[in-house]
Full PDB file with SEQRES, HELIX, SHEET, SSBOND, CRYST1, ORIGX, SCALE, CONECT and MASTER records, all heavy atoms in Angstrom:
SEQRES   1 A   30  GLU THR VAL LEU VAL ALA PRO ASP ASP SER TYR PRO TYR          
SEQRES   2 A   30  SER LEU THR VAL CYS ARG ALA SER GLY GLU GLU VAL VAL          
SEQRES   3 A   30  TYR SER GLY GLU                                              
SHEET    1 AA1 3 LEU A   4  ASP A   8  0                                        
SHEET    2 AA1 3 TYR A  13  CYS A  18 -1                                        
SHEET    3 AA1 3 GLU A  24  GLY A  29 -1                                        
CRYST1    1.000    1.000    1.000  90.00  90.00  90.00 P 1           1          
ORIGX1      1.000000  0.000000  0.000000        0.00000                         
ORIGX2      0.000000  1.000000  0.000000        0.00000                         
ORIGX3      0.000000  0.000000  1.000000        0.00000                         
SCALE1      1.000000  0.000000  0.000000        0.00000                         
SCALE2      0.000000  1.000000  0.000000        0.00000                         
SCALE3      0.000000  0.000000  1.000000        0.00000                         
ATOM      1  N   GLU A   1      36.955 -16.108  12.228  1.00  0.00           N  
ATOM      2  CA  GLU A   1      37.461 -15.025  11.381  1.00  0.00           C  
ATOM      3  C   GLU A   1      38.640 -14.361  12.081  1.00  0.00           C  
ATOM      4  O   GLU A   1      38.698 -14.305  13.308  1.00  0.00           O  
ATOM      5  CB  GLU A   1      36.360 -13.985  11.122  1.00  0.00           C  
ATOM      6  CG  GLU A   1      36.770 -12.848  10.215  1.00  0.00           C  
ATOM      7  CD  GLU A   1      35.674 -11.805   9.981  1.00  0.00           C  
ATOM      8  OE1 GLU A   1      34.514 -12.023  10.401  1.00  0.00           O  
ATOM      9  OE2 GLU A   1      35.986 -10.774   9.374  1.00  0.00           O  
ATOM     10  N   THR A   2      39.550 -13.847  11.279  1.00  0.00           N  
ATOM     11  CA  THR A   2      40.645 -13.027  11.791  1.00  0.00           C  
ATOM     12  C   THR A   2      40.512 -11.652  11.154  1.00  0.00           C  
ATOM     13  O   THR A   2      40.277 -11.545   9.946  1.00  0.00           O  
ATOM     14  CB  THR A   2      42.016 -13.648  11.444  1.00  0.00           C  
ATOM     15  OG1 THR A   2      42.092 -14.946  12.044  1.00  0.00           O  
ATOM     16  CG2 THR A   2      43.149 -12.793  11.979  1.00  0.00           C  
ATOM     17  N   VAL A   3      40.646 -10.608  11.983  1.00  0.00           N  
ATOM     18  CA  VAL A   3      40.541  -9.234  11.495  1.00  0.00           C  
ATOM     19  C   VAL A   3      41.860  -8.518  11.743  1.00  0.00           C  
ATOM     20  O   VAL A   3      42.624  -8.887  12.638  1.00  0.00           O  
ATOM     21  CB  VAL A   3      39.384  -8.471  12.179  1.00  0.00           C  
ATOM     22  CG1 VAL A   3      38.042  -9.095  11.837  1.00  0.00           C  
ATOM     23  CG2 VAL A   3      39.571  -8.394  13.683  1.00  0.00           C  
ATOM     24  N   LEU A   4      42.117  -7.500  10.956  1.00  0.00           N  
ATOM     25  CA  LEU A   4      43.292  -6.657  11.115  1.00  0.00           C  
ATOM     26  C   LEU A   4      42.813  -5.332  11.682  1.00  0.00           C  
ATOM     27  O   LEU A   4      41.924  -4.694  11.108  1.00  0.00           O  
ATOM     28  CB  LEU A   4      43.987  -6.461   9.772  1.00  0.00           C  
ATOM     29  CG  LEU A   4      45.324  -5.755   9.793  1.00  0.00           C  
ATOM     30  CD1 LEU A   4      46.345  -6.581  10.576  1.00  0.00           C  
ATOM     31  CD2 LEU A   4      45.818  -5.528   8.371  1.00  0.00           C  
ATOM     32  N   VAL A   5      43.368  -4.936  12.829  1.00  0.00           N  
ATOM     33  CA  VAL A   5      42.938  -3.720  13.521  1.00  0.00           C  
ATOM     34  C   VAL A   5      44.122  -2.761  13.601  1.00  0.00           C  
ATOM     35  O   VAL A   5      45.177  -3.115  14.132  1.00  0.00           O  
ATOM     36  CB  VAL A   5      42.425  -4.047  14.940  1.00  0.00           C  
ATOM     37  CG1 VAL A   5      41.997  -2.780  15.666  1.00  0.00           C  
ATOM     38  CG2 VAL A   5      41.278  -5.046  14.874  1.00  0.00           C  
ATOM     39  N   ALA A   6      43.931  -1.548  13.069  1.00  0.00           N  
ATOM     40  CA  ALA A   6      44.973  -0.522  13.101  1.00  0.00           C  
ATOM     41  C   ALA A   6      44.496   0.644  13.962  1.00  0.00           C  
ATOM     42  O   ALA A   6      43.567   1.356  13.580  1.00  0.00           O  
ATOM     43  CB  ALA A   6      45.283  -0.044  11.688  1.00  0.00           C  
ATOM     44  N   PRO A   7      45.106   0.838  15.151  1.00  0.00           N  
ATOM     45  CA  PRO A   7      44.692   1.939  16.013  1.00  0.00           C  
ATOM     46  C   PRO A   7      45.380   3.247  15.641  1.00  0.00           C  
ATOM     47  O   PRO A   7      46.525   3.245  15.202  1.00  0.00           O  
ATOM     48  CB  PRO A   7      45.155   1.471  17.398  1.00  0.00           C  
ATOM     49  CG  PRO A   7      46.366   0.646  17.107  1.00  0.00           C  
ATOM     50  CD  PRO A   7      46.097  -0.018  15.775  1.00  0.00           C  
ATOM     51  N   ASP A   8      44.671   4.337  15.795  1.00  0.00           N  
ATOM     52  CA  ASP A   8      45.265   5.672  15.700  1.00  0.00           C  
ATOM     53  C   ASP A   8      45.122   6.273  17.090  1.00  0.00           C  
ATOM     54  O   ASP A   8      44.013   6.571  17.533  1.00  0.00           O  
ATOM     55  CB  ASP A   8      44.543   6.522  14.663  1.00  0.00           C  
ATOM     56  CG  ASP A   8      45.224   7.878  14.453  1.00  0.00           C  
ATOM     57  OD1 ASP A   8      46.036   8.288  15.319  1.00  0.00           O  
ATOM     58  OD2 ASP A   8      44.941   8.530  13.442  1.00  0.00           O  
ATOM     59  N   ASP A   9      46.254   6.415  17.786  1.00  0.00           N  
ATOM     60  CA  ASP A   9      46.201   6.831  19.181  1.00  0.00           C  
ATOM     61  C   ASP A   9      46.341   8.336  19.375  1.00  0.00           C  
ATOM     62  O   ASP A   9      46.719   8.805  20.437  1.00  0.00           O  
ATOM     63  CB  ASP A   9      47.237   6.080  20.014  1.00  0.00           C  
ATOM     64  CG  ASP A   9      48.660   6.304  19.547  1.00  0.00           C  
ATOM     65  OD1 ASP A   9      48.857   7.070  18.591  1.00  0.00           O  
ATOM     66  OD2 ASP A   9      49.573   5.712  20.134  1.00  0.00           O  
ATOM     67  N   SER A  10      45.998   9.102  18.348  1.00  0.00           N  
ATOM     68  CA  SER A  10      45.937  10.552  18.514  1.00  0.00           C  
ATOM     69  C   SER A  10      44.477  10.974  18.438  1.00  0.00           C  
ATOM     70  O   SER A  10      43.675  10.324  17.778  1.00  0.00           O  
ATOM     71  CB  SER A  10      46.781  11.251  17.445  1.00  0.00           C  
ATOM     72  OG  SER A  10      46.331  10.908  16.157  1.00  0.00           O  
ATOM     73  N   TYR A  11      44.143  12.047  19.140  1.00  0.00           N  
ATOM     74  CA  TYR A  11      42.757  12.491  19.210  1.00  0.00           C  
ATOM     75  C   TYR A  11      42.345  13.148  17.905  1.00  0.00           C  
ATOM     76  O   TYR A  11      43.113  13.943  17.378  1.00  0.00           O  
ATOM     77  CB  TYR A  11      42.577  13.463  20.383  1.00  0.00           C  
ATOM     78  CG  TYR A  11      41.135  13.783  20.637  1.00  0.00           C  
ATOM     79  CD1 TYR A  11      40.350  12.938  21.385  1.00  0.00           C  
ATOM     80  CD2 TYR A  11      40.556  14.906  20.087  1.00  0.00           C  
ATOM     81  CE1 TYR A  11      39.009  13.200  21.595  1.00  0.00           C  
ATOM     82  CE2 TYR A  11      39.221  15.181  20.291  1.00  0.00           C  
ATOM     83  CZ  TYR A  11      38.461  14.329  21.053  1.00  0.00           C  
ATOM     84  OH  TYR A  11      37.136  14.597  21.249  1.00  0.00           O  
ATOM     85  N   PRO A  12      41.180  12.895  17.340  1.00  0.00           N  
ATOM     86  CA  PRO A  12      40.196  11.928  17.805  1.00  0.00           C  
ATOM     87  C   PRO A  12      40.657  10.503  17.497  1.00  0.00           C  
ATOM     88  O   PRO A  12      41.198  10.231  16.436  1.00  0.00           O  
ATOM     89  CB  PRO A  12      38.929  12.282  17.028  1.00  0.00           C  
ATOM     90  CG  PRO A  12      39.436  12.918  15.778  1.00  0.00           C  
ATOM     91  CD  PRO A  12      40.732  13.594  16.137  1.00  0.00           C  
ATOM     92  N   TYR A  13      40.423   9.609  18.429  1.00  0.00           N  
ATOM     93  CA  TYR A  13      40.898   8.240  18.334  1.00  0.00           C  
ATOM     94  C   TYR A  13      40.100   7.465  17.297  1.00  0.00           C  
ATOM     95  O   TYR A  13      38.931   7.759  17.049  1.00  0.00           O  
ATOM     96  CB  TYR A  13      40.781   7.543  19.695  1.00  0.00           C  
ATOM     97  CG  TYR A  13      41.579   8.248  20.750  1.00  0.00           C  
ATOM     98  CD1 TYR A  13      40.972   9.130  21.636  1.00  0.00           C  
ATOM     99  CD2 TYR A  13      42.945   8.050  20.843  1.00  0.00           C  
ATOM    100  CE1 TYR A  13      41.718   9.795  22.593  1.00  0.00           C  
ATOM    101  CE2 TYR A  13      43.695   8.714  21.805  1.00  0.00           C  
ATOM    102  CZ  TYR A  13      43.076   9.588  22.677  1.00  0.00           C  
ATOM    103  OH  TYR A  13      43.812  10.249  23.618  1.00  0.00           O  
ATOM    104  N   SER A  14      40.766   6.463  16.708  1.00  0.00           N  
ATOM    105  CA  SER A  14      40.050   5.610  15.760  1.00  0.00           C  
ATOM    106  C   SER A  14      40.714   4.248  15.663  1.00  0.00           C  
ATOM    107  O   SER A  14      41.902   4.087  15.982  1.00  0.00           O  
ATOM    108  CB  SER A  14      39.989   6.260  14.370  1.00  0.00           C  
ATOM    109  OG  SER A  14      41.283   6.345  13.808  1.00  0.00           O  
ATOM    110  N   LEU A  15      39.906   3.283  15.235  1.00  0.00           N  
ATOM    111  CA  LEU A  15      40.389   1.950  14.892  1.00  0.00           C  
ATOM    112  C   LEU A  15      39.950   1.700  13.456  1.00  0.00           C  
ATOM    113  O   LEU A  15      38.764   1.830  13.141  1.00  0.00           O  
ATOM    114  CB  LEU A  15      39.759   0.873  15.782  1.00  0.00           C  
ATOM    115  CG  LEU A  15      40.124   0.828  17.249  1.00  0.00           C  
ATOM    116  CD1 LEU A  15      39.347  -0.301  17.939  1.00  0.00           C  
ATOM    117  CD2 LEU A  15      41.611   0.625  17.432  1.00  0.00           C  
ATOM    118  N   THR A  16      40.900   1.356  12.611  1.00  0.00           N  
ATOM    119  CA  THR A  16      40.566   0.961  11.247  1.00  0.00           C  
ATOM    120  C   THR A  16      40.589  -0.559  11.233  1.00  0.00           C  
ATOM    121  O   THR A  16      41.597  -1.174  11.571  1.00  0.00           O  
ATOM    122  CB  THR A  16      41.573   1.529  10.242  1.00  0.00           C  
ATOM    123  OG1 THR A  16      41.565   2.966  10.352  1.00  0.00           O  
ATOM    124  CG2 THR A  16      41.215   1.127   8.819  1.00  0.00           C  
ATOM    125  N   VAL A  17      39.458  -1.141  10.886  1.00  0.00           N  
ATOM    126  CA  VAL A  17      39.302  -2.594  10.930  1.00  0.00           C  
ATOM    127  C   VAL A  17      39.134  -3.129   9.517  1.00  0.00           C  
ATOM    128  O   VAL A  17      38.271  -2.650   8.770  1.00  0.00           O  
ATOM    129  CB  VAL A  17      38.081  -2.989  11.785  1.00  0.00           C  
ATOM    130  CG1 VAL A  17      37.881  -4.490  11.769  1.00  0.00           C  
ATOM    131  CG2 VAL A  17      38.244  -2.469  13.209  1.00  0.00           C  
ATOM    132  N   CYS A  18      39.960  -4.104   9.176  1.00  0.00           N  
ATOM    133  CA  CYS A  18      39.831  -4.785   7.887  1.00  0.00           C  
ATOM    134  C   CYS A  18      39.345  -6.201   8.165  1.00  0.00           C  
ATOM    135  O   CYS A  18      40.012  -6.982   8.850  1.00  0.00           O  
ATOM    136  CB  CYS A  18      41.164  -4.796   7.155  1.00  0.00           C  
ATOM    137  SG  CYS A  18      41.043  -5.496   5.499  1.00  0.00           S  
ATOM    138  N   ARG A  19      38.150  -6.509   7.658  1.00  0.00           N  
ATOM    139  CA  ARG A  19      37.536  -7.817   7.851  1.00  0.00           C  
ATOM    140  C   ARG A  19      38.081  -8.809   6.835  1.00  0.00           C  
ATOM    141  O   ARG A  19      38.689  -8.431   5.835  1.00  0.00           O  
ATOM    142  CB  ARG A  19      36.012  -7.724   7.712  1.00  0.00           C  
ATOM    143  CG  ARG A  19      35.298  -6.759   8.648  1.00  0.00           C  
ATOM    144  CD  ARG A  19      35.135  -7.281  10.059  1.00  0.00           C  
ATOM    145  NE  ARG A  19      34.470  -8.543  10.186  1.00  0.00           N  
ATOM    146  CZ  ARG A  19      33.176  -8.723  10.447  1.00  0.00           C  
ATOM    147  NH1 ARG A  19      32.380  -7.686  10.585  1.00  0.00           N  
ATOM    148  NH2 ARG A  19      32.675  -9.945  10.578  1.00  0.00           N  
ATOM    149  N   ALA A  20      37.840 -10.077   7.075  1.00  0.00           N  
ATOM    150  CA  ALA A  20      38.292 -11.142   6.175  1.00  0.00           C  
ATOM    151  C   ALA A  20      37.723 -10.961   4.765  1.00  0.00           C  
ATOM    152  O   ALA A  20      38.362 -11.334   3.784  1.00  0.00           O  
ATOM    153  CB  ALA A  20      37.901 -12.500   6.734  1.00  0.00           C  
ATOM    154  N   SER A  21      36.560 -10.347   4.664  1.00  0.00           N  
ATOM    155  CA  SER A  21      35.919 -10.107   3.368  1.00  0.00           C  
ATOM    156  C   SER A  21      36.627  -9.018   2.569  1.00  0.00           C  
ATOM    157  O   SER A  21      36.342  -8.824   1.388  1.00  0.00           O  
ATOM    158  CB  SER A  21      34.467  -9.676   3.585  1.00  0.00           C  
ATOM    159  OG  SER A  21      34.433  -8.423   4.253  1.00  0.00           O  
ATOM    160  N   GLY A  22      37.532  -8.281   3.219  1.00  0.00           N  
ATOM    161  CA  GLY A  22      38.204  -7.155   2.576  1.00  0.00           C  
ATOM    162  C   GLY A  22      37.569  -5.822   2.919  1.00  0.00           C  
ATOM    163  O   GLY A  22      38.126  -4.766   2.640  1.00  0.00           O  
ATOM    164  N   GLU A  23      36.377  -5.875   3.540  1.00  0.00           N  
ATOM    165  CA  GLU A  23      35.700  -4.647   3.952  1.00  0.00           C  
ATOM    166  C   GLU A  23      36.539  -3.935   5.011  1.00  0.00           C  
ATOM    167  O   GLU A  23      37.047  -4.552   5.945  1.00  0.00           O  
ATOM    168  CB  GLU A  23      34.324  -4.985   4.539  1.00  0.00           C  
ATOM    169  CG  GLU A  23      33.611  -3.791   5.120  1.00  0.00           C  
ATOM    170  CD  GLU A  23      32.352  -4.170   5.888  1.00  0.00           C  
ATOM    171  OE1 GLU A  23      32.210  -5.338   6.296  1.00  0.00           O  
ATOM    172  OE2 GLU A  23      31.534  -3.273   6.090  1.00  0.00           O  
ATOM    173  N   GLU A  24      36.688  -2.617   4.853  1.00  0.00           N  
ATOM    174  CA  GLU A  24      37.446  -1.820   5.818  1.00  0.00           C  
ATOM    175  C   GLU A  24      36.526  -0.745   6.392  1.00  0.00           C  
ATOM    176  O   GLU A  24      35.857  -0.038   5.640  1.00  0.00           O  
ATOM    177  CB  GLU A  24      38.660  -1.183   5.133  1.00  0.00           C  
ATOM    178  CG  GLU A  24      39.620  -0.531   6.092  1.00  0.00           C  
ATOM    179  CD  GLU A  24      40.892  -0.078   5.397  1.00  0.00           C  
ATOM    180  OE1 GLU A  24      41.768  -0.924   5.134  1.00  0.00           O  
ATOM    181  OE2 GLU A  24      40.997   1.133   5.125  1.00  0.00           O  
ATOM    182  N   VAL A  25      36.489  -0.665   7.730  1.00  0.00           N  
ATOM    183  CA  VAL A  25      35.625   0.299   8.408  1.00  0.00           C  
ATOM    184  C   VAL A  25      36.443   1.013   9.473  1.00  0.00           C  
ATOM    185  O   VAL A  25      37.269   0.388  10.152  1.00  0.00           O  
ATOM    186  CB  VAL A  25      34.403  -0.396   9.064  1.00  0.00           C  
ATOM    187  CG1 VAL A  25      33.538   0.605   9.808  1.00  0.00           C  
ATOM    188  CG2 VAL A  25      33.580  -1.137   8.019  1.00  0.00           C  
ATOM    189  N   VAL A  26      36.194   2.311   9.626  1.00  0.00           N  
ATOM    190  CA  VAL A  26      36.862   3.104  10.658  1.00  0.00           C  
ATOM    191  C   VAL A  26      35.862   3.394  11.764  1.00  0.00           C  
ATOM    192  O   VAL A  26      34.756   3.875  11.509  1.00  0.00           O  
ATOM    193  CB  VAL A  26      37.419   4.423  10.081  1.00  0.00           C  
ATOM    194  CG1 VAL A  26      38.044   5.264  11.189  1.00  0.00           C  
ATOM    195  CG2 VAL A  26      38.420   4.150   8.970  1.00  0.00           C  
ATOM    196  N   TYR A  27      36.249   3.075  12.997  1.00  0.00           N  
ATOM    197  CA  TYR A  27      35.436   3.351  14.179  1.00  0.00           C  
ATOM    198  C   TYR A  27      36.131   4.468  14.943  1.00  0.00           C  
ATOM    199  O   TYR A  27      37.292   4.325  15.332  1.00  0.00           O  
ATOM    200  CB  TYR A  27      35.305   2.107  15.053  1.00  0.00           C  
ATOM    201  CG  TYR A  27      34.600   0.977  14.347  1.00  0.00           C  
ATOM    202  CD1 TYR A  27      35.311   0.062  13.584  1.00  0.00           C  
ATOM    203  CD2 TYR A  27      33.216   0.862  14.401  1.00  0.00           C  
ATOM    204  CE1 TYR A  27      34.659  -0.958  12.908  1.00  0.00           C  
ATOM    205  CE2 TYR A  27      32.562  -0.154  13.721  1.00  0.00           C  
ATOM    206  CZ  TYR A  27      33.288  -1.058  12.979  1.00  0.00           C  
ATOM    207  OH  TYR A  27      32.638  -2.055  12.296  1.00  0.00           O  
ATOM    208  N   SER A  28      35.438   5.579  15.161  1.00  0.00           N  
ATOM    209  CA  SER A  28      36.005   6.732  15.861  1.00  0.00           C  
ATOM    210  C   SER A  28      35.335   6.903  17.208  1.00  0.00           C  
ATOM    211  O   SER A  28      34.188   6.489  17.398  1.00  0.00           O  
ATOM    212  CB  SER A  28      35.805   8.011  15.034  1.00  0.00           C  
ATOM    213  OG  SER A  28      36.450   7.879  13.791  1.00  0.00           O  
ATOM    214  N   GLY A  29      36.056   7.552  18.151  1.00  0.00           N  
ATOM    215  CA  GLY A  29      35.467   7.771  19.457  1.00  0.00           C  
ATOM    216  C   GLY A  29      36.353   8.601  20.364  1.00  0.00           C  
ATOM    217  O   GLY A  29      37.444   9.027  19.980  1.00  0.00           O  
ATOM    218  N   GLU A  30      35.869   8.806  21.574  1.00  0.00           N  
ATOM    219  CA  GLU A  30      36.573   9.607  22.574  1.00  0.00           C  
ATOM    220  C   GLU A  30      37.792   8.897  23.155  1.00  0.00           C  
ATOM    221  O   GLU A  30      38.613   9.521  23.797  1.00  0.00           O  
ATOM    222  CB  GLU A  30      35.617   9.994  23.706  1.00  0.00           C  
ATOM    223  CG  GLU A  30      34.542  10.969  23.279  1.00  0.00           C  
ATOM    224  CD  GLU A  30      35.113  12.315  22.856  1.00  0.00           C  
ATOM    225  OE1 GLU A  30      35.969  12.865  23.577  1.00  0.00           O  
ATOM    226  OE2 GLU A  30      34.712  12.807  21.789  1.00  0.00           O  
TER     227      GLU A  30                                                      
MASTER        0    0    0    0    3    0    0    6  226    1    0    3          
END                                                                             
């Protein structure tokens, strides 16, 4: 699988991940 990852490098940090299925999830953290 290939995923598309979009980082947000401002606090609070996050990665928006788009999976091959089209599902998009945001992962947040310190």
